[in-house]
Amino acid sequence: MAENIDIDSALKILDLKPAVSQEEIKQAYRKLAKQWHPDRFLDATEKQGAEEKIKIINQAYEQLKNYQYIDTQNIISTTASKTSVSSQASTPETIYQRAMSKAASGKYSEAIEDFTIAIRLKPDYVEAYKFRALACEKRLICQPRKIRL
């Protein structure tokens, strides 16, 4: 699984439309995984072809696991009194910025989740790794767990 598949290709591989839910993604993946599982083929050539196909299907599914964060053109953020809608598409950088805001306001667990999403979308995002570690450390310091004896 060396090469990354873009969202459009992943959707095409799993035969899905852009406005798809996570449940539909799972269903499409399961259907294709069953259909192309190498154990279903006896012929060596067919088995090898199925192995290659299942690798591509797995790559597509991995790419689409966080699809809701990438494809969503409208990010809804709720404040105490009103809801605002942003037309900015989520990218690893915008998710990182959102995480930084959450960390600055002391919402370390939420920030950690967003840093993790940014890292999944951009695995070489060094700053997100660094600040996720700092948020984990802050969470432990600010919200220590109770130790049972």
Protein backbone atom coordinates (compact mmCIF):
# COMPACT_ATOMS: atom_id res chain seq x y z
CA MET A 1 0.00 0.00 0.00
CA ALA A 2 2.71 2.41 -0.96
CA GLU A 3 0.81 4.88 -3.09
CA ASN A 4 -2.06 7.02 -1.84
CA ILE A 5 -5.39 7.12 -3.59
CA ASP A 6 -7.20 10.45 -3.83
CA ILE A 7 -10.81 10.79 -2.64
CA ASP A 8 -12.31 10.81 -6.14
CA SER A 9 -10.49 7.61 -7.10
CA ALA A 10 -11.44 5.97 -3.80
CA LEU A 11 -15.10 6.81 -4.39
CA LYS A 12 -14.88 5.42 -7.92
CA ILE A 13 -13.19 2.20 -6.72
CA LEU A 14 -15.96 1.60 -4.18
CA ASP A 15 -18.60 2.77 -6.71
CA LEU A 16 -19.88 5.59 -4.47
CA LYS A 17 -21.14 9.15 -4.96
CA PRO A 18 -19.52 12.18 -3.25
CA ALA A 19 -22.28 12.78 -0.66
CA VAL A 20 -21.99 9.34 0.93
CA SER A 21 -22.34 8.42 4.61
CA GLN A 22 -19.86 6.39 6.63
CA GLU A 23 -22.36 3.53 6.79
CA GLU A 24 -22.64 3.44 2.98
CA ILE A 25 -18.85 3.44 2.73
CA LYS A 26 -18.66 0.45 5.10
CA GLN A 27 -21.37 -1.42 3.20
CA ALA A 28 -19.68 -0.86 -0.16
CA TYR A 29 -16.33 -1.93 1.28
CA ARG A 30 -17.75 -5.10 2.83
CA LYS A 31 -19.52 -6.04 -0.40
CA LEU A 32 -16.37 -5.63 -2.50
CA ALA A 33 -14.13 -7.26 0.12
CA LYS A 34 -16.35 -10.35 0.10
CA GLN A 35 -16.50 -10.37 -3.69
CA TRP A 36 -12.73 -10.03 -4.17
CA HIS A 37 -11.39 -11.94 -1.17
CA PRO A 38 -8.49 -14.07 -2.47
CA ASP A 39 -9.73 -17.18 -0.61
CA ARG A 40 -12.72 -17.31 -2.97
CA PHE A 41 -10.47 -18.11 -5.93
CA LEU A 42 -8.82 -21.47 -6.62
CA ASP A 43 -6.91 -20.61 -9.79
CA ALA A 44 -3.48 -19.10 -8.96
CA THR A 45 -3.81 -16.35 -11.57
CA GLU A 46 -7.28 -15.38 -10.41
CA LYS A 47 -6.13 -15.50 -6.77
CA GLN A 48 -3.22 -13.14 -7.53
CA GLY A 49 -5.55 -10.77 -9.37
CA ALA A 50 -7.92 -10.81 -6.41
CA GLU A 51 -5.05 -10.05 -4.02
CA GLU A 52 -4.13 -7.00 -6.07
CA LYS A 53 -7.77 -5.91 -6.29
CA ILE A 54 -8.34 -6.30 -2.52
CA LYS A 55 -5.24 -4.18 -1.81
CA ILE A 56 -6.71 -1.38 -3.93
CA ILE A 57 -10.11 -1.77 -2.24
CA ASN A 58 -8.43 -1.60 1.18
CA GLN A 59 -6.51 1.55 0.17
CA ALA A 60 -9.72 3.18 -1.02
CA TYR A 61 -11.51 2.28 2.20
CA GLU A 62 -8.65 3.62 4.35
CA GLN A 63 -8.79 6.89 2.41
CA LEU A 64 -12.56 7.17 2.88
CA LYS A 65 -12.64 6.38 6.61
CA ASN A 66 -12.29 10.09 7.34
CA TYR A 67 -14.22 11.17 4.26
CA GLN A 68 -16.72 13.27 6.23
CA TYR A 69 -13.93 15.66 7.20
CA ILE A 70 -12.62 16.07 3.66
CA ASP A 71 -15.70 16.19 1.48
CA THR A 72 -17.87 18.36 3.68
CA GLN A 73 -18.07 21.78 2.08
CA ASN A 74 -20.13 23.18 4.93
CA ILE A 75 -18.65 22.85 8.38
CA ILE A 76 -21.21 23.59 11.03
CA SER A 77 -19.95 24.99 14.30
CA THR A 78 -22.36 25.58 17.13
CA THR A 79 -21.76 28.37 19.60
CA ALA A 80 -23.66 28.98 22.82
CA SER A 81 -26.41 31.01 21.19
CA LYS A 82 -26.32 30.51 17.42
CA THR A 83 -25.14 28.21 14.66
CA SER A 84 -22.82 29.44 11.95
CA VAL A 85 -21.93 27.72 8.71
CA SER A 86 -18.55 28.01 7.05
CA SER A 87 -18.11 27.36 3.35
CA GLN A 88 -14.43 26.57 3.80
CA ALA A 89 -13.53 22.97 2.90
CA SER A 90 -11.74 20.99 5.57
CA THR A 91 -8.13 20.32 4.80
CA PRO A 92 -5.46 19.00 7.13
CA GLU A 93 -4.39 22.60 7.68
CA THR A 94 -7.88 23.87 8.60
CA ILE A 95 -8.42 20.90 10.91
CA TYR A 96 -5.02 21.64 12.49
CA GLN A 97 -6.04 25.28 13.05
CA ARG A 98 -9.33 24.14 14.61
CA ALA A 99 -7.36 21.85 16.91
CA MET A 100 -5.06 24.70 17.90
CA SER A 101 -8.09 26.82 18.83
CA LYS A 102 -9.54 24.02 20.92
CA ALA A 103 -6.22 23.46 22.67
CA ALA A 104 -5.90 27.17 23.39
CA SER A 105 -9.32 27.12 25.08
CA GLY A 106 -8.39 24.07 27.19
CA LYS A 107 -10.42 21.51 25.23
CA TYR A 108 -7.49 19.10 25.01
CA SER A 109 -9.42 15.91 24.25
CA GLU A 110 -11.23 17.55 21.33
CA ALA A 111 -7.97 19.07 20.12
CA ILE A 112 -6.29 15.66 20.21
CA GLU A 113 -9.08 14.22 18.05
CA ASP A 114 -8.67 17.00 15.49
CA PHE A 115 -4.86 16.70 15.45
CA THR A 116 -5.30 12.96 14.85
CA ILE A 117 -7.63 13.62 11.92
CA ALA A 118 -5.16 16.10 10.42
CA ILE A 119 -2.39 13.50 10.78
CA ARG A 120 -4.49 10.79 9.11
CA LEU A 121 -5.15 13.09 6.19
CA LYS A 122 -1.52 14.20 5.97
CA PRO A 123 0.75 11.57 7.58
CA ASP A 124 3.87 13.76 7.37
CA TYR A 125 2.28 16.70 9.23
CA VAL A 126 5.06 17.20 11.81
CA GLU A 127 3.46 20.19 13.53
CA ALA A 128 0.24 18.24 14.14
CA TYR A 129 2.23 15.39 15.72
CA LYS A 130 4.10 17.83 17.94
CA PHE A 131 1.04 19.70 19.16
CA ARG A 132 -0.97 16.50 19.59
CA ALA A 133 1.74 15.29 21.96
CA LEU A 134 1.64 18.60 23.83
CA ALA A 135 -2.16 18.42 24.08
CA CYS A 136 -1.89 14.86 25.46
CA GLU A 137 0.59 16.06 28.05
CA LYS A 138 -1.59 19.04 28.99
CA ARG A 139 -4.65 16.79 29.27
CA LEU A 140 -2.80 14.54 31.71
CA ILE A 141 -1.61 17.49 33.78
CA CYS A 142 -4.94 19.36 33.78
CA GLN A 143 -7.23 16.36 33.98
CA PRO A 144 -5.42 13.71 36.01
CA ARG A 145 -7.03 10.31 36.20
CA LYS A 146 -8.11 8.88 39.52
CA ILE A 147 -5.97 6.01 40.70
CA ARG A 148 -7.76 3.17 42.43
CA LEU A 149 -5.98 1.32 45.18
